Structures are given as structure tokens and as C-alpha cells.
Amino acid sequence: MKYEEAMKRLEEIVGQIEEGKLDIDMITERLKEARTLIRFCRDRLYETDEEVRKIMESEE
């Protein structure tokens, strides 16, 4: 999965929750999915930050 895809899915989940169209079981499932997506995005951002730092350090 790409970062952009994960963010798009998170936006969809937020929209579904905000619309109030999900029953309690679906809210629970969507929140679990959102937690996984958030973790993925956070890790990807951290990895990218590390890569950029290494590149910047190697150019000095």
C-alpha cells in the first residue's frame, strides 16, 4: 500500500463515521482499520524522514 492510498482510505473512514451511517459493529471495525492505517502512515513518514536526513548528511 502506498501512503496516498492509506490517507485516502482514512479520509473515507472519517467521512463514514461523521455521516453517522455506520452501526456500532461497523464503527468498531472501521476504527480498527483506521488504527492500522495511522500506524502505517506514521511509520512511512518516519522512514521517509530518516531517508531524507541521510541524503542531506551525505551531501554535506
C-alpha atoms as a PDB file:
ATOM      1  CA  MET A   1       0.000   0.000   0.000  1.00  0.00           C
ATOM      2  CA  LYS A   2       1.163   3.496  -0.739  1.00  0.00           C
ATOM      3  CA  TYR A   3       0.968   6.396   1.680  1.00  0.00           C
ATOM      4  CA  GLU A   4      -1.513   8.246  -0.535  1.00  0.00           C
ATOM      5  CA  GLU A   5      -3.811   5.222  -0.672  1.00  0.00           C
ATOM      6  CA  ALA A   6      -3.741   4.880   3.099  1.00  0.00           C
ATOM      7  CA  MET A   7      -4.563   8.557   3.571  1.00  0.00           C
ATOM      8  CA  LYS A   8      -7.437   8.326   1.097  1.00  0.00           C
ATOM      9  CA  ARG A   9      -8.855   5.328   2.956  1.00  0.00           C
ATOM     10  CA  LEU A  10      -8.529   7.179   6.278  1.00  0.00           C
ATOM     11  CA  GLU A  11     -10.467  10.088   4.810  1.00  0.00           C
ATOM     12  CA  GLU A  12     -13.179   7.676   3.668  1.00  0.00           C
ATOM     13  CA  ILE A  13     -13.412   6.163   7.135  1.00  0.00           C
ATOM     14  CA  VAL A  14     -13.659   9.575   8.784  1.00  0.00           C
ATOM     15  CA  GLY A  15     -16.388  10.541   6.337  1.00  0.00           C
ATOM     16  CA  GLN A  16     -18.358   7.379   7.071  1.00  0.00           C
ATOM     17  CA  ILE A  17     -18.141   7.967  10.802  1.00  0.00           C
ATOM     18  CA  GLU A  18     -19.053  11.653  10.506  1.00  0.00           C
ATOM     19  CA  GLU A  19     -22.090  10.820   8.379  1.00  0.00           C
ATOM     20  CA  GLY A  20     -23.348   8.577  11.167  1.00  0.00           C
ATOM     21  CA  LYS A  21     -24.395   5.861   8.747  1.00  0.00           C
ATOM     22  CA  LEU A  22     -22.436   3.049  10.418  1.00  0.00           C
ATOM     23  CA  ASP A  23     -23.819   0.771  13.071  1.00  0.00           C
ATOM     24  CA  ILE A  24     -21.814   0.160  16.230  1.00  0.00           C
ATOM     25  CA  ASP A  25     -20.173  -3.006  14.871  1.00  0.00           C
ATOM     26  CA  MET A  26     -19.056  -1.264  11.694  1.00  0.00           C
ATOM     27  CA  ILE A  27     -17.712   1.692  13.672  1.00  0.00           C
ATOM     28  CA  THR A  28     -15.575  -0.717  15.675  1.00  0.00           C
ATOM     29  CA  GLU A  29     -14.278  -2.369  12.505  1.00  0.00           C
ATOM     30  CA  ARG A  30     -13.551   0.969  10.831  1.00  0.00           C
ATOM     31  CA  LEU A  31     -11.711   2.245  13.902  1.00  0.00           C
ATOM     32  CA  LYS A  32      -9.523  -0.869  13.937  1.00  0.00           C
ATOM     33  CA  GLU A  33      -8.769  -0.362  10.256  1.00  0.00           C
ATOM     34  CA  ALA A  34      -8.045   3.324  10.860  1.00  0.00           C
ATOM     35  CA  ARG A  35      -5.630   2.460  13.674  1.00  0.00           C
ATOM     36  CA  THR A  36      -3.707   0.169  11.329  1.00  0.00           C
ATOM     37  CA  LEU A  37      -3.643   2.808   8.596  1.00  0.00           C
ATOM     38  CA  ILE A  38      -2.470   5.508  11.011  1.00  0.00           C
ATOM     39  CA  ARG A  39       0.353   3.268  12.186  1.00  0.00           C
ATOM     40  CA  PHE A  40       1.321   2.580   8.569  1.00  0.00           C
ATOM     41  CA  CYS A  41       1.327   6.302   7.692  1.00  0.00           C
ATOM     42  CA  ARG A  42       3.298   7.247  10.793  1.00  0.00           C
ATOM     43  CA  ASP A  43       5.909   4.576  10.070  1.00  0.00           C
ATOM     44  CA  ARG A  44       6.169   5.613   6.434  1.00  0.00           C
ATOM     45  CA  LEU A  45       6.649   9.256   7.394  1.00  0.00           C
ATOM     46  CA  TYR A  46       9.342   8.284   9.877  1.00  0.00           C
ATOM     47  CA  GLU A  47      11.143   6.172   7.264  1.00  0.00           C
ATOM     48  CA  THR A  48      10.980   8.990   4.728  1.00  0.00           C
ATOM     49  CA  ASP A  49      12.306  11.477   7.265  1.00  0.00           C
ATOM     50  CA  GLU A  50      15.236   9.178   8.017  1.00  0.00           C
ATOM     51  CA  GLU A  51      15.985   8.739   4.311  1.00  0.00           C
ATOM     52  CA  VAL A  52      15.937  12.491   3.732  1.00  0.00           C
ATOM     53  CA  ARG A  53      18.258  13.078   6.700  1.00  0.00           C
ATOM     54  CA  LYS A  54      20.725  10.516   5.367  1.00  0.00           C
ATOM     55  CA  ILE A  55      20.672  12.107   1.935  1.00  0.00           C
ATOM     56  CA  MET A  56      21.177  15.571   3.373  1.00  0.00           C
ATOM     57  CA  GLU A  57      24.043  14.371   5.597  1.00  0.00           C
ATOM     58  CA  SER A  58      25.785  12.641   2.701  1.00  0.00           C
ATOM     59  CA  GLU A  59      25.712  15.860   0.657  1.00  0.00           C
ATOM     60  CA  GLU A  60      27.490  17.887   3.336  1.00  0.00           C
END
